[in-house]
Amino acid sequence: MAKQERAIRTRRAILEAAGAVFDEHGYTSTTISMVQERAEVTKGALYFHFPSKESLAQAVLDEQVPFGVIPPQACKLQEVVDITFVVAQRLLGNALLRGSVRLAVDQCAPPGVDHSGPFRQWADHLTPLLEQAKARGELLPTVDPGDTVELLIGSFTGIQLMSRALTGRDDLGRRLSVLWSHMLPSIAVPGLLMGLDSRADRGARVLASLDARIAS
């Protein structure tokens, strides 16, 4: 058990180091040696878990969606809103998530690295929530959950890239709030709009609530 726990910790340390290096340098400029040095592990330990840079990049990409885990909400549309704000908030301080996001849009990664994975995984995660929202009468009758999710994912990707370029993502919460202020009236039933929370600090408040639950 002790060996297994050490292996889990080592793998996590490598992933977190890789996320930071990929975020800082992109796929092409990142080397295995850079990740090894950042993770403070031996080359043998790194290659035991990840036999190539491609496999390491893929593992970083596959870590993206779990960062959107939040407490369930009675209103499923609010739950979708909360997921986007939580991811935005975690982007500010989590190097592994930032590395995954950068790899997802890095056109220099080789064909063996599946860029499309996170986009498909997010769609698979969010579409059922919007389908539940529609079944509960939260969405306008004309709303197609799959199309709306694809628009949301594309829009979020774009605004986080813009925020990263302009302010190092310091204004991402505000930009996301603006995005939702335009999207919600076009998808939510009018009676629901006043009760939906899409203020810029929503992500920080949801995470604080989540941390309080874990602590208790």
Protein backbone atom coordinates (compact mmCIF):
# COMPACT_ATOMS: atom_id res chain seq x y z
CA MET A 1 0.00 0.00 0.00
CA ALA A 2 2.83 2.40 0.83
CA LYS A 3 4.39 1.82 -2.61
CA GLN A 4 1.04 2.36 -4.29
CA GLU A 5 0.45 5.61 -2.42
CA ARG A 6 3.94 6.83 -3.35
CA ALA A 7 3.28 5.96 -6.98
CA ILE A 8 0.02 7.91 -6.93
CA ARG A 9 1.74 10.92 -5.36
CA THR A 10 4.60 10.74 -7.85
CA ARG A 11 2.25 10.55 -10.82
CA ARG A 12 0.31 13.54 -9.52
CA ALA A 13 3.48 15.55 -8.97
CA ILE A 14 4.56 14.82 -12.55
CA LEU A 15 1.15 15.83 -13.94
CA GLU A 16 1.11 19.10 -11.99
CA ALA A 17 4.65 19.92 -13.08
CA ALA A 18 3.80 19.06 -16.69
CA GLY A 19 0.74 21.27 -16.58
CA ALA A 20 2.81 24.21 -15.40
CA VAL A 21 5.52 23.68 -18.03
CA PHE A 22 3.06 23.15 -20.89
CA ASP A 23 1.20 26.29 -19.83
CA GLU A 24 4.39 28.35 -19.73
CA HIS A 25 6.10 27.04 -22.87
CA GLY A 26 3.53 25.26 -25.06
CA TYR A 27 3.87 21.75 -26.41
CA THR A 28 6.75 22.20 -28.85
CA SER A 29 9.10 23.99 -26.46
CA THR A 30 8.40 21.71 -23.51
CA THR A 31 10.88 18.88 -22.91
CA ILE A 32 10.72 15.83 -20.68
CA SER A 33 13.78 17.15 -18.84
CA MET A 34 11.96 20.38 -18.00
CA VAL A 35 9.05 18.43 -16.52
CA GLN A 36 11.41 16.10 -14.64
CA GLU A 37 13.25 19.03 -13.11
CA ARG A 38 10.02 20.82 -12.14
CA ALA A 39 8.55 17.65 -10.60
CA GLU A 40 11.82 16.80 -8.80
CA VAL A 41 11.62 13.12 -9.79
CA THR A 42 14.07 10.76 -11.46
CA LYS A 43 13.92 10.16 -15.18
CA GLY A 44 13.07 6.53 -14.47
CA ALA A 45 10.10 7.52 -12.32
CA LEU A 46 8.80 9.88 -15.01
CA TYR A 47 9.11 7.32 -17.81
CA PHE A 48 7.51 4.65 -15.61
CA HIS A 49 4.31 6.68 -15.55
CA PHE A 50 4.59 8.42 -18.94
CA PRO A 51 6.67 6.75 -21.67
CA SER A 52 6.63 9.78 -23.99
CA LYS A 53 5.90 13.51 -24.15
CA GLU A 54 2.78 12.68 -26.14
CA SER A 55 1.43 10.39 -23.40
CA LEU A 56 2.20 13.04 -20.79
CA ALA A 57 0.38 15.72 -22.79
CA GLN A 58 -2.62 13.44 -23.25
CA ALA A 59 -2.77 12.75 -19.52
CA VAL A 60 -2.72 16.50 -18.80
CA LEU A 61 -5.55 17.02 -21.31
CA ASP A 62 -7.60 14.27 -19.70
CA GLU A 63 -7.45 16.04 -16.33
CA GLN A 64 -9.49 19.04 -17.48
CA VAL A 65 -13.13 18.09 -16.93
CA PRO A 66 -12.84 16.95 -13.26
CA PHE A 67 -11.96 20.54 -12.34
CA GLY A 68 -15.58 21.43 -13.09
CA VAL A 69 -17.04 19.30 -10.29
CA ILE A 70 -19.48 21.31 -8.16
CA PRO A 71 -22.29 20.65 -5.67
CA PRO A 72 -25.57 19.76 -7.43
CA GLN A 73 -28.16 22.52 -7.72
CA ALA A 74 -31.96 22.32 -7.78
CA CYS A 75 -31.84 24.52 -10.88
CA LYS A 76 -29.83 22.66 -13.52
CA LEU A 77 -29.21 25.80 -15.56
CA GLN A 78 -27.59 27.38 -12.51
CA GLU A 79 -25.46 24.25 -12.23
CA VAL A 80 -24.18 24.76 -15.78
CA VAL A 81 -23.45 28.41 -15.00
CA ASP A 82 -21.61 27.41 -11.82
CA ILE A 83 -19.42 24.89 -13.63
CA THR A 84 -18.14 27.57 -15.99
CA PHE A 85 -17.39 29.98 -13.15
CA VAL A 86 -15.65 27.31 -11.08
CA VAL A 87 -13.41 26.37 -14.01
CA ALA A 88 -12.66 30.06 -14.59
CA GLN A 89 -11.78 30.54 -10.92
CA ARG A 90 -9.56 27.46 -10.84
CA LEU A 91 -7.74 28.62 -13.95
CA LEU A 92 -6.35 31.48 -11.85
CA GLY A 93 -4.45 29.21 -9.48
CA ASN A 94 -4.18 25.71 -10.90
CA ALA A 95 -1.25 25.11 -13.24
CA LEU A 96 -2.43 21.64 -14.25
CA LEU A 97 -5.76 23.00 -15.47
CA ARG A 98 -4.04 25.90 -17.24
CA GLY A 99 -1.70 23.47 -18.99
CA SER A 100 -4.62 21.33 -20.09
CA VAL A 101 -6.45 24.33 -21.49
CA ARG A 102 -3.38 25.52 -23.36
CA LEU A 103 -2.78 22.08 -24.86
CA ALA A 104 -6.41 21.90 -26.02
CA VAL A 105 -5.84 24.90 -28.30
CA ASP A 106 -2.17 24.27 -29.12
CA GLN A 107 -2.04 23.55 -32.85
CA CYS A 108 1.61 22.48 -32.64
CA ALA A 109 0.93 19.27 -30.73
CA PRO A 110 1.32 16.13 -32.89
CA PRO A 111 -1.61 14.08 -34.24
CA GLY A 112 -1.07 11.52 -31.49
CA VAL A 113 -2.31 14.05 -28.93
CA ASP A 114 -6.10 14.26 -29.04
CA HIS A 115 -6.98 17.97 -28.90
CA SER A 116 -10.65 17.21 -29.35
CA GLY A 117 -10.92 15.09 -26.20
CA PRO A 118 -11.63 17.89 -23.69
CA PHE A 119 -14.16 19.52 -26.02
CA ARG A 120 -16.04 16.24 -26.44
CA GLN A 121 -15.80 15.45 -22.73
CA TRP A 122 -17.18 18.86 -21.77
CA ALA A 123 -20.04 18.41 -24.24
CA ASP A 124 -20.77 14.95 -22.80
CA HIS A 125 -20.77 16.43 -19.29
CA LEU A 126 -22.83 19.58 -19.91
CA THR A 127 -25.40 18.42 -22.47
CA PRO A 128 -27.24 16.05 -20.06
CA LEU A 129 -27.48 18.90 -17.54
CA LEU A 130 -29.09 21.18 -20.11
CA GLU A 131 -31.38 18.35 -21.19
CA GLN A 132 -32.48 18.03 -17.56
CA ALA A 133 -32.96 21.79 -17.41
CA LYS A 134 -35.20 21.64 -20.49
CA ALA A 135 -37.20 18.73 -19.08
CA ARG A 136 -37.80 20.78 -15.92
CA GLY A 137 -39.07 23.75 -17.90
CA GLU A 138 -36.04 25.97 -17.28
CA LEU A 139 -35.27 26.54 -20.97
CA LEU A 140 -37.21 28.13 -23.79
CA PRO A 141 -38.92 25.57 -26.04
CA THR A 142 -36.73 26.49 -29.01
CA VAL A 143 -33.44 25.75 -27.22
CA ASP A 144 -31.43 22.77 -28.45
CA PRO A 145 -29.20 21.62 -25.53
CA GLY A 146 -26.47 20.15 -27.75
CA ASP A 147 -26.15 23.25 -29.92
CA THR A 148 -26.21 25.52 -26.87
CA VAL A 149 -23.45 23.54 -25.15
CA GLU A 150 -21.24 23.72 -28.24
CA LEU A 151 -21.77 27.49 -28.40
CA LEU A 152 -20.97 27.80 -24.69
CA ILE A 153 -17.78 25.73 -24.92
CA GLY A 154 -16.56 27.67 -27.95
CA SER A 155 -17.38 31.00 -26.34
CA PHE A 156 -15.71 30.10 -23.05
CA THR A 157 -12.60 28.94 -24.89
CA GLY A 158 -12.40 32.22 -26.76
CA ILE A 159 -12.94 34.55 -23.84
CA GLN A 160 -10.45 32.76 -21.61
CA LEU A 161 -7.82 33.03 -24.36
CA MET A 162 -8.59 36.73 -24.75
CA SER A 163 -8.50 37.25 -20.99
CA ARG A 164 -5.18 35.38 -20.75
CA ALA A 165 -3.64 37.55 -23.46
CA LEU A 166 -4.88 40.86 -22.10
CA THR A 167 -4.83 40.52 -18.31
CA GLY A 168 -3.36 37.13 -17.41
CA ARG A 169 -6.97 36.02 -16.78
CA ASP A 170 -7.46 38.59 -14.00
CA ASP A 171 -10.70 39.74 -15.65
CA LEU A 172 -11.99 36.30 -16.64
CA GLY A 173 -14.81 36.33 -14.09
CA ARG A 174 -16.10 39.64 -15.43
CA ARG A 175 -15.86 38.48 -19.04
CA LEU A 176 -17.70 35.28 -18.18
CA SER A 177 -20.40 37.28 -16.43
CA VAL A 178 -20.84 39.36 -19.59
CA LEU A 179 -21.07 36.19 -21.68
CA TRP A 180 -23.85 34.80 -19.51
CA SER A 181 -25.68 38.14 -19.47
CA HIS A 182 -26.06 37.72 -23.23
CA MET A 183 -26.69 33.97 -23.30
CA LEU A 184 -29.17 33.52 -20.47
CA PRO A 185 -31.98 35.70 -21.88
CA SER A 186 -31.81 33.71 -25.11
CA ILE A 187 -32.11 30.27 -23.47
CA ALA A 188 -33.80 30.63 -20.05
CA VAL A 189 -37.52 31.10 -19.46
CA PRO A 190 -38.13 34.73 -18.39
CA GLY A 191 -39.38 33.80 -14.93
CA LEU A 192 -36.07 32.14 -14.10
CA LEU A 193 -33.75 34.98 -15.06
CA MET A 194 -33.94 37.02 -11.86
CA GLY A 195 -33.02 33.99 -9.75
CA LEU A 196 -29.93 32.98 -11.73
CA ASP A 197 -26.58 34.09 -10.32
CA SER A 198 -23.94 34.94 -12.93
CA ARG A 199 -22.06 37.65 -11.10
CA ALA A 200 -18.33 37.86 -11.69
CA ASP A 201 -17.39 36.42 -8.28
CA ARG A 202 -19.70 33.41 -8.58
CA GLY A 203 -16.81 30.96 -8.98
CA ALA A 204 -15.07 32.12 -5.80
CA ARG A 205 -18.28 31.85 -3.81
CA VAL A 206 -19.12 28.37 -5.09
CA LEU A 207 -15.61 27.13 -4.31
CA ALA A 208 -15.75 28.67 -0.82
CA SER A 209 -19.01 26.84 -0.20
CA LEU A 210 -17.51 23.61 -1.50
CA ASP A 211 -14.47 24.00 0.76
CA ALA A 212 -16.75 24.64 3.75
CA ARG A 213 -18.66 21.44 3.02
CA ILE A 214 -15.46 19.42 2.84
CA ALA A 215 -14.14 20.97 6.08
CA SER A 216 -17.34 20.14 7.94
